[in-house]
Amino acid sequence: MKLIVYFASILLFFGCNNSKQNSEEPIIIDFSKQNFGQEQFSKTDSIQKLKVAVSAIITPQETYIYYRDLFDYISKELNYKVEFKQRKTYEEANNLLANNEVDLAFICSLAYVIAKEKNTVELLAMPLFNGKPFYQAYIIVHKSSNIENFQQLKAKSFAYTDPLSNTGKLYALKRIKELGFDLDTYFNKTMYSNAHDASIQLVAKKIVDGATVDGLIFEYLAKHHPEKVKNIKVIEKSEEYGIPPVVVSKSIDAVTKQKLKNIFLNIHNDSTGKQILSKLMIDKFIEGNDENYNSIRKNLVDIKK
């Protein structure tokens, strides 16, 4: 009964958080303000705005904290205000780009592959993590679990992050396919957490037996919030995939696009920018290379066979 009550409270918590981010009213944050404890919100200022979307890689409040300093830096460099939009699902973030409702977005690798196929985005830049523009999926279980490999998760409960998440779903489907099992029946029960840190907590609290998560987010939490992963055991790491990119809408004007590219490609040369990247565990940003995402395209094709 305690488990049922706790599970219900977790779902309510996620629902309450997500209801805010699904609001149709955008929040305009003036990142040029120094005091982040008292952000100014406005819908009438005439100053130019940069509309930014972030896929829900982590829960809404954490996402804002995670990107806040970077947006502040971009705002000051451009002398624009930032209109920050977050949506519950990766598809909703992609739709903002497709409908030209945002200029710039930080999206998942698989979401990028799908948006690129629909010709609704342009690749602007890619971050380097540990010197490489690649990342991995981590398959995780509770540290007290006797599960030691992916095969032992068969008929267990499992958390995905989002239907359009590479590390949060596609990789697990690839593994099921490789083992020769049905994608829909391999696990006894599945759920979507809508955020990688939420998936980690579902495993940590033993609400699900396992999950597939973004290795970058796991390593970020391990460094900055080790208490959140102290009860987690990583039983498998994927091969390397093209890292989640920075993209722009097809409707963005050429001048703003070039300014943004210059900011991202040079932020590591600035002392303040370098500190911001260090907090994010990013070495620097480099030119985007669409070929880095071909292995994701291949996995997407393979699971449909």
C-alpha atoms as a PDB file:
ATOM      1  CA  MET A   1       0.000   0.000   0.000  1.00  0.00           C
ATOM      2  CA  LYS A   2       2.878   2.388   0.831  1.00  0.00           C
ATOM      3  CA  LEU A   3       4.375   1.689  -2.596  1.00  0.00           C
ATOM      4  CA  ILE A   4       1.069   2.427  -4.316  1.00  0.00           C
ATOM      5  CA  VAL A   5       0.680   5.702  -2.429  1.00  0.00           C
ATOM      6  CA  TYR A   6       4.259   6.695  -3.224  1.00  0.00           C
ATOM      7  CA  PHE A   7       3.872   5.804  -6.888  1.00  0.00           C
ATOM      8  CA  ALA A   8       0.732   7.905  -7.072  1.00  0.00           C
ATOM      9  CA  SER A   9       2.542  10.823  -5.461  1.00  0.00           C
ATOM     10  CA  ILE A  10       5.381  10.533  -7.983  1.00  0.00           C
ATOM     11  CA  LEU A  11       2.932  10.658 -10.888  1.00  0.00           C
ATOM     12  CA  LEU A  12       1.166  13.636  -9.334  1.00  0.00           C
ATOM     13  CA  PHE A  13       4.513  15.390  -8.904  1.00  0.00           C
ATOM     14  CA  PHE A  14       5.409  14.864 -12.556  1.00  0.00           C
ATOM     15  CA  GLY A  15       1.944  15.945 -13.635  1.00  0.00           C
ATOM     16  CA  CYS A  16       2.118  19.158 -11.631  1.00  0.00           C
ATOM     17  CA  ASN A  17       5.514  20.032 -13.026  1.00  0.00           C
ATOM     18  CA  ASN A  18       4.501  19.248 -16.585  1.00  0.00           C
ATOM     19  CA  SER A  19       1.320  21.279 -16.400  1.00  0.00           C
ATOM     20  CA  LYS A  20       3.425  24.425 -16.067  1.00  0.00           C
ATOM     21  CA  GLN A  21       5.624  23.703 -19.020  1.00  0.00           C
ATOM     22  CA  ASN A  22       2.656  22.921 -21.274  1.00  0.00           C
ATOM     23  CA  SER A  23       1.250  26.412 -20.842  1.00  0.00           C
ATOM     24  CA  GLU A  24       0.572  28.104 -24.135  1.00  0.00           C
ATOM     25  CA  GLU A  25       1.769  31.422 -22.668  1.00  0.00           C
ATOM     26  CA  PRO A  26       5.518  31.789 -23.190  1.00  0.00           C
ATOM     27  CA  ILE A  27       7.704  33.032 -20.377  1.00  0.00           C
ATOM     28  CA  ILE A  28      10.045  35.797 -21.450  1.00  0.00           C
ATOM     29  CA  ILE A  29      13.111  35.909 -19.267  1.00  0.00           C
ATOM     30  CA  ASP A  30      15.459  38.848 -19.376  1.00  0.00           C
ATOM     31  CA  PHE A  31      18.761  37.062 -18.908  1.00  0.00           C
ATOM     32  CA  SER A  32      20.634  40.360 -18.935  1.00  0.00           C
ATOM     33  CA  LYS A  33      19.515  40.863 -15.344  1.00  0.00           C
ATOM     34  CA  GLN A  34      22.218  39.994 -12.833  1.00  0.00           C
ATOM     35  CA  ASN A  35      19.945  38.865 -10.003  1.00  0.00           C
ATOM     36  CA  PHE A  36      18.537  35.517 -11.054  1.00  0.00           C
ATOM     37  CA  GLY A  37      16.513  35.291  -7.878  1.00  0.00           C
ATOM     38  CA  GLN A  38      14.322  38.099  -9.219  1.00  0.00           C
ATOM     39  CA  GLU A  39      13.967  37.453 -12.947  1.00  0.00           C
ATOM     40  CA  GLN A  40      11.880  39.990 -14.809  1.00  0.00           C
ATOM     41  CA  PHE A  41       9.024  38.711 -16.942  1.00  0.00           C
ATOM     42  CA  SER A  42       7.455  40.749 -19.710  1.00  0.00           C
ATOM     43  CA  LYS A  43       5.337  40.319 -22.785  1.00  0.00           C
ATOM     44  CA  THR A  44       5.351  43.887 -23.979  1.00  0.00           C
ATOM     45  CA  ASP A  45       8.971  44.985 -24.154  1.00  0.00           C
ATOM     46  CA  SER A  46      10.030  46.065 -27.608  1.00  0.00           C
ATOM     47  CA  ILE A  47      13.601  44.774 -27.274  1.00  0.00           C
ATOM     48  CA  GLN A  48      14.402  41.998 -29.749  1.00  0.00           C
ATOM     49  CA  LYS A  49      13.776  38.501 -28.464  1.00  0.00           C
ATOM     50  CA  LEU A  50      15.408  35.184 -29.146  1.00  0.00           C
ATOM     51  CA  LYS A  51      12.897  32.371 -28.846  1.00  0.00           C
ATOM     52  CA  VAL A  52      14.528  29.269 -27.388  1.00  0.00           C
ATOM     53  CA  ALA A  53      13.186  25.756 -26.840  1.00  0.00           C
ATOM     54  CA  VAL A  54      14.676  23.028 -24.702  1.00  0.00           C
ATOM     55  CA  SER A  55      13.546  19.424 -24.799  1.00  0.00           C
ATOM     56  CA  ALA A  56      12.741  18.033 -21.372  1.00  0.00           C
ATOM     57  CA  ILE A  57      15.981  16.131 -20.836  1.00  0.00           C
ATOM     58  CA  ILE A  58      15.602  16.854 -17.145  1.00  0.00           C
ATOM     59  CA  THR A  59      12.650  18.023 -15.087  1.00  0.00           C
ATOM     60  CA  PRO A  60      11.478  21.605 -15.748  1.00  0.00           C
ATOM     61  CA  GLN A  61      13.038  23.375 -12.770  1.00  0.00           C
ATOM     62  CA  GLU A  62      16.347  21.567 -13.246  1.00  0.00           C
ATOM     63  CA  THR A  63      16.333  22.382 -16.960  1.00  0.00           C
ATOM     64  CA  TYR A  64      16.016  26.086 -16.231  1.00  0.00           C
ATOM     65  CA  ILE A  65      18.856  25.936 -13.692  1.00  0.00           C
ATOM     66  CA  TYR A  66      20.940  23.807 -16.044  1.00  0.00           C
ATOM     67  CA  TYR A  67      20.756  26.286 -18.936  1.00  0.00           C
ATOM     68  CA  ARG A  68      20.283  29.581 -17.091  1.00  0.00           C
ATOM     69  CA  ASP A  69      23.854  30.864 -17.213  1.00  0.00           C
ATOM     70  CA  LEU A  70      24.263  29.868 -20.855  1.00  0.00           C
ATOM     71  CA  PHE A  71      21.111  31.754 -21.834  1.00  0.00           C
ATOM     72  CA  ASP A  72      22.290  34.729 -19.826  1.00  0.00           C
ATOM     73  CA  TYR A  73      25.555  34.705 -21.765  1.00  0.00           C
ATOM     74  CA  ILE A  74      23.817  34.452 -25.150  1.00  0.00           C
ATOM     75  CA  SER A  75      21.399  37.228 -24.192  1.00  0.00           C
ATOM     76  CA  LYS A  76      24.208  39.601 -23.316  1.00  0.00           C
ATOM     77  CA  GLU A  77      26.223  38.775 -26.425  1.00  0.00           C
ATOM     78  CA  LEU A  78      23.238  39.339 -28.719  1.00  0.00           C
ATOM     79  CA  ASN A  79      21.628  42.063 -26.631  1.00  0.00           C
ATOM     80  CA  TYR A  80      18.369  40.137 -26.994  1.00  0.00           C
ATOM     81  CA  LYS A  81      15.907  38.984 -24.407  1.00  0.00           C
ATOM     82  CA  VAL A  82      15.309  35.261 -24.283  1.00  0.00           C
ATOM     83  CA  GLU A  83      11.836  33.802 -24.604  1.00  0.00           C
ATOM     84  CA  PHE A  84      12.218  30.393 -23.012  1.00  0.00           C
ATOM     85  CA  LYS A  85       9.829  27.605 -23.961  1.00  0.00           C
ATOM     86  CA  GLN A  86       9.825  24.094 -22.624  1.00  0.00           C
ATOM     87  CA  ARG A  87       7.462  21.316 -23.548  1.00  0.00           C
ATOM     88  CA  LYS A  88       6.643  17.983 -21.990  1.00  0.00           C
ATOM     89  CA  THR A  89       7.622  15.848 -24.970  1.00  0.00           C
ATOM     90  CA  TYR A  90      10.374  15.962 -27.574  1.00  0.00           C
ATOM     91  CA  GLU A  91       7.735  15.935 -30.301  1.00  0.00           C
ATOM     92  CA  GLU A  92       6.233  19.141 -28.928  1.00  0.00           C
ATOM     93  CA  ALA A  93       9.654  20.795 -28.976  1.00  0.00           C
ATOM     94  CA  ASN A  94      10.116  19.641 -32.585  1.00  0.00           C
ATOM     95  CA  ASN A  95       6.719  21.094 -33.448  1.00  0.00           C
ATOM     96  CA  LEU A  96       7.785  24.490 -32.123  1.00  0.00           C
ATOM     97  CA  LEU A  97      10.664  24.398 -34.598  1.00  0.00           C
ATOM     98  CA  ALA A  98       8.515  23.129 -37.457  1.00  0.00           C
ATOM     99  CA  ASN A  99       5.955  25.871 -36.877  1.00  0.00           C
ATOM    100  CA  ASN A 100       8.677  28.545 -36.660  1.00  0.00           C
ATOM    101  CA  GLU A 101       7.657  29.374 -33.087  1.00  0.00           C
ATOM    102  CA  VAL A 102      11.244  29.279 -31.837  1.00  0.00           C
ATOM    103  CA  ASP A 103      14.579  30.354 -33.280  1.00  0.00           C
ATOM    104  CA  LEU A 104      17.011  28.144 -31.384  1.00  0.00           C
ATOM    105  CA  ALA A 105      16.631  24.782 -29.671  1.00  0.00           C
ATOM    106  CA  PHE A 106      18.520  22.187 -27.697  1.00  0.00           C
ATOM    107  CA  ILE A 107      17.058  18.845 -28.720  1.00  0.00           C
ATOM    108  CA  CYS A 108      17.750  15.122 -28.458  1.00  0.00           C
ATOM    109  CA  SER A 109      19.752  13.372 -31.163  1.00  0.00           C
ATOM    110  CA  LEU A 110      16.850  11.208 -32.328  1.00  0.00           C
ATOM    111  CA  ALA A 111      14.524  14.210 -32.309  1.00  0.00           C
ATOM    112  CA  TYR A 112      17.091  15.963 -34.500  1.00  0.00           C
ATOM    113  CA  VAL A 113      17.253  13.039 -36.931  1.00  0.00           C
ATOM    114  CA  ILE A 114      13.470  13.089 -37.313  1.00  0.00           C
ATOM    115  CA  ALA A 115      13.281  16.877 -37.649  1.00  0.00           C
ATOM    116  CA  LYS A 116      16.112  16.854 -40.174  1.00  0.00           C
ATOM    117  CA  GLU A 117      14.286  14.256 -42.244  1.00  0.00           C
ATOM    118  CA  LYS A 118      11.283  16.602 -42.314  1.00  0.00           C
ATOM    119  CA  ASN A 119      13.585  19.510 -43.254  1.00  0.00           C
ATOM    120  CA  THR A 120      12.379  21.681 -40.370  1.00  0.00           C
ATOM    121  CA  VAL A 121      15.736  22.418 -38.685  1.00  0.00           C
ATOM    122  CA  GLU A 122      19.345  23.282 -39.420  1.00  0.00           C
ATOM    123  CA  LEU A 123      22.248  21.939 -37.396  1.00  0.00           C
ATOM    124  CA  LEU A 124      24.061  24.864 -35.774  1.00  0.00           C
ATOM    125  CA  ALA A 125      26.633  23.391 -33.395  1.00  0.00           C
ATOM    126  CA  MET A 126      27.541  20.365 -31.297  1.00  0.00           C
ATOM    127  CA  PRO A 127      29.040  20.288 -27.796  1.00  0.00           C
ATOM    128  CA  LEU A 128      32.190  18.342 -26.993  1.00  0.00           C
ATOM    129  CA  PHE A 129      32.089  16.100 -23.925  1.00  0.00           C
ATOM    130  CA  ASN A 130      35.446  14.719 -22.792  1.00  0.00           C
ATOM    131  CA  GLY A 131      36.881  15.872 -26.105  1.00  0.00           C
ATOM    132  CA  LYS A 132      34.297  14.086 -28.259  1.00  0.00           C
ATOM    133  CA  PRO A 133      30.990  15.059 -29.898  1.00  0.00           C
ATOM    134  CA  PHE A 134      29.466  11.760 -28.827  1.00  0.00           C
ATOM    135  CA  TYR A 135      27.513  10.336 -25.907  1.00  0.00           C
ATOM    136  CA  GLN A 136      26.122   7.027 -24.680  1.00  0.00           C
ATOM    137  CA  ALA A 137      22.974   5.476 -23.306  1.00  0.00           C
ATOM    138  CA  TYR A 138      23.240   3.963 -19.834  1.00  0.00           C
ATOM    139  CA  ILE A 139      21.079   1.015 -18.796  1.00  0.00           C
ATOM    140  CA  ILE A 140      20.548   1.338 -15.062  1.00  0.00           C
ATOM    141  CA  VAL A 141      19.086  -0.678 -12.185  1.00  0.00           C
ATOM    142  CA  HIS A 142      19.022  -0.263  -8.422  1.00  0.00           C
ATOM    143  CA  LYS A 143      22.375  -1.021  -6.820  1.00  0.00           C
ATOM    144  CA  SER A 144      20.752  -3.694  -4.623  1.00  0.00           C
ATOM    145  CA  SER A 145      19.313  -5.479  -7.663  1.00  0.00           C
ATOM    146  CA  ASN A 146      20.678  -8.855  -8.756  1.00  0.00           C
ATOM    147  CA  ILE A 147      20.180  -7.805 -12.385  1.00  0.00           C
ATOM    148  CA  GLU A 148      23.580  -7.629 -14.082  1.00  0.00           C
ATOM    149  CA  ASN A 149      22.780  -7.382 -17.790  1.00  0.00           C
ATOM    150  CA  PHE A 150      20.082  -6.257 -20.196  1.00  0.00           C
ATOM    151  CA  GLN A 151      18.821  -9.786 -20.820  1.00  0.00           C
ATOM    152  CA  GLN A 152      17.864 -10.112 -17.151  1.00  0.00           C
ATOM    153  CA  LEU A 153      15.491  -7.174 -17.519  1.00  0.00           C
ATOM    154  CA  LYS A 154      13.139  -9.327 -19.616  1.00  0.00           C
ATOM    155  CA  ALA A 155       9.666  -9.411 -18.033  1.00  0.00           C
ATOM    156  CA  LYS A 156      10.657  -6.632 -15.627  1.00  0.00           C
ATOM    157  CA  SER A 157       9.329  -3.080 -15.310  1.00  0.00           C
ATOM    158  CA  PHE A 158      11.198  -0.432 -17.262  1.00  0.00           C
ATOM    159  CA  ALA A 159      11.197   3.344 -17.711  1.00  0.00           C
ATOM    160  CA  TYR A 160      11.651   5.121 -21.016  1.00  0.00           C
ATOM    161  CA  THR A 161      12.212   8.862 -21.162  1.00  0.00           C
ATOM    162  CA  ASP A 162      10.366   9.894 -24.315  1.00  0.00           C
ATOM    163  CA  PRO A 163       9.225   8.237 -27.563  1.00  0.00           C
ATOM    164  CA  LEU A 164      11.700  10.402 -29.534  1.00  0.00           C
ATOM    165  CA  SER A 165      14.657   9.891 -27.181  1.00  0.00           C
ATOM    166  CA  ASN A 166      17.718   8.116 -28.531  1.00  0.00           C
ATOM    167  CA  THR A 167      19.291   7.176 -25.197  1.00  0.00           C
ATOM    168  CA  GLY A 168      15.931   7.219 -23.425  1.00  0.00           C
ATOM    169  CA  LYS A 169      14.223   4.689 -25.698  1.00  0.00           C
ATOM    170  CA  LEU A 170      15.703   3.875 -29.109  1.00  0.00           C
ATOM    171  CA  TYR A 171      18.808   2.210 -27.698  1.00  0.00           C
ATOM    172  CA  ALA A 172      16.726  -0.141 -25.530  1.00  0.00           C
ATOM    173  CA  LEU A 173      14.572  -1.054 -28.532  1.00  0.00           C
ATOM    174  CA  LYS A 174      17.731  -1.773 -30.508  1.00  0.00           C
ATOM    175  CA  ARG A 175      18.907  -4.161 -27.774  1.00  0.00           C
ATOM    176  CA  ILE A 176      15.566  -5.967 -27.669  1.00  0.00           C
ATOM    177  CA  LYS A 177      15.671  -6.369 -31.446  1.00  0.00           C
ATOM    178  CA  GLU A 178      19.223  -7.736 -31.284  1.00  0.00           C
ATOM    179  CA  LEU A 179      18.094 -10.346 -28.763  1.00  0.00           C
ATOM    180  CA  GLY A 180      15.307 -11.447 -31.098  1.00  0.00           C
ATOM    181  CA  PHE A 181      12.333 -10.508 -28.925  1.00  0.00           C
ATOM    182  CA  ASP A 182       9.161  -8.542 -29.569  1.00  0.00           C
ATOM    183  CA  LEU A 183       9.557  -4.827 -28.862  1.00  0.00           C
ATOM    184  CA  ASP A 184       6.122  -4.500 -27.262  1.00  0.00           C
ATOM    185  CA  THR A 185       6.230  -7.500 -24.952  1.00  0.00           C
ATOM    186  CA  TYR A 186       9.857  -7.729 -23.779  1.00  0.00           C
ATOM    187  CA  PHE A 187       9.186  -5.806 -20.578  1.00  0.00           C
ATOM    188  CA  ASN A 188       6.347  -6.663 -18.236  1.00  0.00           C
ATOM    189  CA  LYS A 189       5.481  -3.003 -17.770  1.00  0.00           C
ATOM    190  CA  THR A 190       6.811   0.261 -19.226  1.00  0.00           C
ATOM    191  CA  MET A 191       6.254   3.936 -18.530  1.00  0.00           C
ATOM    192  CA  TYR A 192       7.505   7.304 -19.769  1.00  0.00           C
ATOM    193  CA  SER A 193       9.129   9.568 -17.217  1.00  0.00           C
ATOM    194  CA  ASN A 194       9.483  12.609 -19.553  1.00  0.00           C
ATOM    195  CA  ALA A 195      12.949  13.377 -18.134  1.00  0.00           C
ATOM    196  CA  HIS A 196      16.196  11.459 -17.657  1.00  0.00           C
ATOM    197  CA  ASP A 197      16.649  12.513 -14.034  1.00  0.00           C
ATOM    198  CA  ALA A 198      13.072  11.398 -13.364  1.00  0.00           C
ATOM    199  CA  SER A 199      13.898   7.949 -14.813  1.00  0.00           C
ATOM    200  CA  ILE A 200      16.904   7.754 -12.526  1.00  0.00           C
ATOM    201  CA  GLN A 201      14.740   8.526  -9.501  1.00  0.00           C
ATOM    202  CA  LEU A 202      12.153   5.928 -10.531  1.00  0.00           C
ATOM    203  CA  VAL A 203      14.922   3.327 -10.399  1.00  0.00           C
ATOM    204  CA  ALA A 204      16.471   4.752  -7.225  1.00  0.00           C
ATOM    205  CA  LYS A 205      13.084   4.505  -5.456  1.00  0.00           C
ATOM    206  CA  LYS A 206      12.518   0.981  -6.847  1.00  0.00           C
ATOM    207  CA  ILE A 207       9.342   2.026  -8.657  1.00  0.00           C
ATOM    208  CA  VAL A 208      10.721   0.369 -11.802  1.00  0.00           C
ATOM    209  CA  ASP A 209      13.383  -2.314 -12.171  1.00  0.00           C
ATOM    210  CA  GLY A 210      15.396  -0.547 -14.843  1.00  0.00           C
ATOM    211  CA  ALA A 211      15.669   2.376 -17.219  1.00  0.00           C
ATOM    212  CA  THR A 212      17.649   3.672 -20.163  1.00  0.00           C
ATOM    213  CA  VAL A 213      19.046   7.172 -19.698  1.00  0.00           C
ATOM    214  CA  ASP A 214      21.323   9.790 -21.205  1.00  0.00           C
ATOM    215  CA  GLY A 215      24.884   9.158 -20.005  1.00  0.00           C
ATOM    216  CA  LEU A 216      25.611  12.891 -20.075  1.00  0.00           C
ATOM    217  CA  ILE A 217      22.811  13.588 -17.606  1.00  0.00           C
ATOM    218  CA  PHE A 218      23.895  10.678 -15.422  1.00  0.00           C
ATOM    219  CA  GLU A 219      27.473  11.944 -15.293  1.00  0.00           C
ATOM    220  CA  TYR A 220      26.288  15.498 -14.615  1.00  0.00           C
ATOM    221  CA  LEU A 221      24.248  14.299 -11.639  1.00  0.00           C
ATOM    222  CA  ALA A 222      27.071  12.068 -10.436  1.00  0.00           C
ATOM    223  CA  LYS A 223      29.338  15.114 -10.301  1.00  0.00           C
ATOM    224  CA  HIS A 224      26.972  17.818  -9.052  1.00  0.00           C
ATOM    225  CA  HIS A 225      24.292  15.808  -7.199  1.00  0.00           C
ATOM    226  CA  PRO A 226      25.883  12.441  -6.286  1.00  0.00           C
ATOM    227  CA  GLU A 227      23.126  11.704  -3.802  1.00  0.00           C
ATOM    228  CA  LYS A 228      20.725  11.278  -6.744  1.00  0.00           C
ATOM    229  CA  VAL A 229      22.681   8.378  -8.242  1.00  0.00           C
ATOM    230  CA  LYS A 230      24.136   6.786  -5.110  1.00  0.00           C
ATOM    231  CA  ASN A 231      21.623   3.919  -5.296  1.00  0.00           C
ATOM    232  CA  ILE A 232      22.070   3.368  -9.026  1.00  0.00           C
ATOM    233  CA  LYS A 233      24.066   0.671 -10.791  1.00  0.00           C
ATOM    234  CA  VAL A 234      25.000   1.043 -14.471  1.00  0.00           C
ATOM    235  CA  ILE A 235      24.861  -2.411 -16.047  1.00  0.00           C
ATOM    236  CA  GLU A 236      25.447  -1.448 -19.670  1.00  0.00           C
ATOM    237  CA  LYS A 237      26.706   1.445 -21.766  1.00  0.00           C
ATOM    238  CA  SER A 238      25.883   1.793 -25.434  1.00  0.00           C
ATOM    239  CA  GLU A 239      28.194   2.487 -28.298  1.00  0.00           C
ATOM    240  CA  GLU A 240      28.815   6.171 -28.955  1.00  0.00           C
ATOM    241  CA  TYR A 241      26.202   8.257 -30.773  1.00  0.00           C
ATOM    242  CA  GLY A 242      26.170  11.796 -32.136  1.00  0.00           C
ATOM    243  CA  ILE A 243      25.664  14.118 -29.189  1.00  0.00           C
ATOM    244  CA  PRO A 244      22.413  16.122 -28.713  1.00  0.00           C
ATOM    245  CA  PRO A 245      22.894  19.194 -30.939  1.00  0.00           C
ATOM    246  CA  VAL A 246      22.016  22.845 -31.000  1.00  0.00           C
ATOM    247  CA  VAL A 247      19.671  23.583 -33.905  1.00  0.00           C
ATOM    248  CA  VAL A 248      17.913  26.558 -35.416  1.00  0.00           C
ATOM    249  CA  SER A 249      14.605  26.951 -37.164  1.00  0.00           C
ATOM    250  CA  LYS A 250      14.570  27.198 -40.931  1.00  0.00           C
ATOM    251  CA  SER A 251      12.915  30.598 -40.561  1.00  0.00           C
ATOM    252  CA  ILE A 252      15.697  32.266 -38.586  1.00  0.00           C
ATOM    253  CA  ASP A 253      17.338  35.155 -40.398  1.00  0.00           C
ATOM    254  CA  ALA A 254      20.862  34.634 -41.692  1.00  0.00           C
ATOM    255  CA  VAL A 255      22.420  37.414 -39.615  1.00  0.00           C
ATOM    256  CA  THR A 256      21.084  36.125 -36.290  1.00  0.00           C
ATOM    257  CA  LYS A 257      22.028  32.569 -37.219  1.00  0.00           C
ATOM    258  CA  GLN A 258      25.613  33.577 -37.939  1.00  0.00           C
ATOM    259  CA  LYS A 259      25.821  35.585 -34.718  1.00  0.00           C
ATOM    260  CA  LEU A 260      24.591  32.599 -32.751  1.00  0.00           C
ATOM    261  CA  LYS A 261      27.064  30.284 -34.445  1.00  0.00           C
ATOM    262  CA  ASN A 262      29.907  32.651 -33.624  1.00  0.00           C
ATOM    263  CA  ILE A 263      28.812  32.804 -29.986  1.00  0.00           C
ATOM    264  CA  PHE A 264      28.701  29.026 -29.619  1.00  0.00           C
ATOM    265  CA  LEU A 265      31.957  28.391 -31.455  1.00  0.00           C
ATOM    266  CA  ASN A 266      33.845  30.988 -29.434  1.00  0.00           C
ATOM    267  CA  ILE A 267      32.308  30.802 -25.975  1.00  0.00           C
ATOM    268  CA  HIS A 268      35.191  28.661 -24.683  1.00  0.00           C
ATOM    269  CA  ASN A 269      37.651  31.469 -25.515  1.00  0.00           C
ATOM    270  CA  ASP A 270      35.937  33.810 -23.052  1.00  0.00           C
ATOM    271  CA  SER A 271      36.696  33.431 -19.323  1.00  0.00           C
ATOM    272  CA  THR A 272      33.047  33.754 -18.315  1.00  0.00           C
ATOM    273  CA  GLY A 273      31.941  31.449 -21.103  1.00  0.00           C
ATOM    274  CA  LYS A 274      34.532  28.893 -20.130  1.00  0.00           C
ATOM    275  CA  GLN A 275      33.214  28.814 -16.563  1.00  0.00           C
ATOM    276  CA  ILE A 276      29.675  28.306 -17.832  1.00  0.00           C
ATOM    277  CA  LEU A 277      30.757  25.400 -20.034  1.00  0.00           C
ATOM    278  CA  SER A 278      32.686  23.868 -17.152  1.00  0.00           C
ATOM    279  CA  LYS A 279      29.525  23.778 -15.031  1.00  0.00           C
ATOM    280  CA  LEU A 280      27.728  22.060 -17.895  1.00  0.00           C
ATOM    281  CA  MET A 281      30.661  19.633 -18.334  1.00  0.00           C
ATOM    282  CA  ILE A 282      31.084  20.834 -21.922  1.00  0.00           C
ATOM    283  CA  ASP A 283      34.578  21.393 -23.322  1.00  0.00           C
ATOM    284  CA  LYS A 284      33.416  23.653 -26.132  1.00  0.00           C
ATOM    285  CA  PHE A 285      31.070  23.773 -29.115  1.00  0.00           C
ATOM    286  CA  ILE A 286      32.146  22.840 -32.635  1.00  0.00           C
ATOM    287  CA  GLU A 287      30.637  22.966 -36.112  1.00  0.00           C
ATOM    288  CA  GLY A 288      27.779  20.516 -36.576  1.00  0.00           C
ATOM    289  CA  ASN A 289      28.376  17.355 -38.581  1.00  0.00           C
ATOM    290  CA  ASP A 290      25.199  15.613 -39.721  1.00  0.00           C
ATOM    291  CA  GLU A 291      27.084  12.361 -40.471  1.00  0.00           C
ATOM    292  CA  ASN A 292      27.573  11.854 -36.720  1.00  0.00           C
ATOM    293  CA  TYR A 293      23.904  10.891 -36.504  1.00  0.00           C
ATOM    294  CA  ASN A 294      23.938   8.172 -39.171  1.00  0.00           C
ATOM    295  CA  SER A 295      24.195   5.353 -36.600  1.00  0.00           C
ATOM    296  CA  ILE A 296      20.976   6.607 -35.018  1.00  0.00           C
ATOM    297  CA  ARG A 297      19.329   6.619 -38.434  1.00  0.00           C
ATOM    298  CA  LYS A 298      20.470   3.031 -38.935  1.00  0.00           C
ATOM    299  CA  ASN A 299      19.025   1.925 -35.570  1.00  0.00           C
ATOM    300  CA  LEU A 300      15.753   3.601 -36.416  1.00  0.00           C
ATOM    301  CA  VAL A 301      15.551   1.647 -39.667  1.00  0.00           C
ATOM    302  CA  ASP A 302      16.662  -1.630 -38.078  1.00  0.00           C
ATOM    303  CA  ILE A 303      13.980  -1.716 -35.365  1.00  0.00           C
ATOM    304  CA  LYS A 304      11.289  -1.318 -38.015  1.00  0.00           C
ATOM    305  CA  LYS A 305      12.386  -4.389 -39.955  1.00  0.00           C
END
